[in-house]
């Protein structure tokens, strides 16, 4: 299995907002954002833009919170 790369929070947010996930910001207060998508569960995204997320945090977000498979999650971040 390929490891997930560490990514800046701003880049992870871009990944969430583009195809195929299509998340959008429902509301925001400071760095806390509630993201919604028509095909995936609502998530609370609470990272400052300059914070670097470790590979395990990226994996937890995509696989555990959103429910993607390992293969689908790796395709999304490419």
Protein backbone atom coordinates (compact mmCIF):
# COMPACT_ATOMS: atom_id res chain seq x y z
CA UNK A 1 0.00 0.00 0.00
CA UNK A 2 1.21 3.43 -0.89
CA UNK A 3 1.52 5.95 1.96
CA UNK A 4 -0.41 9.19 2.01
CA UNK A 5 1.70 12.33 1.60
CA UNK A 6 1.82 15.16 4.11
CA UNK A 7 -0.07 18.16 2.70
CA UNK A 8 -0.78 21.76 3.63
CA UNK A 9 -4.28 22.28 4.96
CA UNK A 10 -5.10 24.72 2.17
CA UNK A 11 -4.22 22.08 -0.45
CA UNK A 12 -6.36 19.44 1.28
CA UNK A 13 -9.28 21.89 1.24
CA UNK A 14 -8.78 22.38 -2.51
CA UNK A 15 -8.83 18.60 -2.99
CA UNK A 16 -12.10 18.36 -1.07
CA UNK A 17 -13.73 21.13 -3.12
CA UNK A 18 -12.91 19.78 -6.59
CA UNK A 19 -14.27 16.79 -8.54
CA UNK A 20 -15.28 14.10 -7.58
CA UNK A 21 -15.90 15.10 -3.94
CA UNK A 22 -17.47 18.52 -4.67
CA UNK A 23 -17.54 19.78 -1.09
CA UNK A 24 -18.56 23.38 -0.48
CA UNK A 25 -18.40 25.54 2.64
CA UNK A 26 -21.78 25.68 4.35
CA UNK A 27 -20.57 28.08 7.03
CA UNK A 28 -17.32 29.22 8.58
CA UNK A 29 -16.22 30.82 11.81
CA UNK A 30 -12.49 31.43 12.00
CA UNK A 31 -10.66 28.30 10.90
CA UNK A 32 -13.67 26.05 11.58
CA UNK A 33 -15.52 25.20 8.38
CA UNK A 34 -18.52 22.94 7.91
CA UNK A 35 -18.27 21.29 4.50
CA UNK A 36 -21.18 19.66 2.70
CA UNK A 37 -21.43 17.53 -0.42
CA UNK A 38 -24.43 15.99 -2.15
CA UNK A 39 -22.82 12.52 -2.28
CA UNK A 40 -20.67 12.38 0.86
CA UNK A 41 -21.22 13.03 4.59
CA UNK A 42 -20.97 16.49 6.15
CA UNK A 43 -17.59 17.12 7.77
CA UNK A 44 -16.13 19.66 10.17
CA UNK A 45 -12.80 20.90 8.81
CA UNK A 46 -10.94 22.84 11.50
CA UNK A 47 -7.41 23.56 10.34
CA UNK A 48 -5.63 26.86 9.70
CA UNK A 49 -4.51 27.22 6.08
CA UNK A 50 -0.76 27.12 6.85
CA UNK A 51 -0.84 23.96 8.99
CA UNK A 52 0.74 20.86 7.46
CA UNK A 53 -1.33 17.71 7.89
CA UNK A 54 0.57 14.46 8.26
CA UNK A 55 -0.12 11.57 5.94
CA UNK A 56 -2.07 9.79 8.66
CA UNK A 57 -4.31 12.85 9.16
CA UNK A 58 -4.97 13.05 5.41
CA UNK A 59 -5.76 9.31 5.38
CA UNK A 60 -8.09 9.64 8.39
CA UNK A 61 -9.99 12.49 6.76
CA UNK A 62 -10.44 10.81 3.37
CA UNK A 63 -10.94 7.22 4.47
CA UNK A 64 -12.50 7.39 7.94
CA UNK A 65 -14.57 10.59 7.82
CA UNK A 66 -15.58 10.60 4.14
CA UNK A 67 -15.54 6.83 3.61
CA UNK A 68 -13.35 6.49 0.52
CA UNK A 69 -11.38 3.33 -0.18
CA UNK A 70 -7.57 3.50 -0.14
CA UNK A 71 -7.41 3.42 -3.95
CA UNK A 72 -10.09 6.10 -4.38
CA UNK A 73 -8.46 8.34 -1.77
CA UNK A 74 -5.07 8.09 -3.49
CA UNK A 75 -6.67 8.97 -6.85
CA UNK A 76 -8.38 12.02 -5.35
CA UNK A 77 -5.14 13.54 -4.02
CA UNK A 78 -3.18 13.01 -7.25
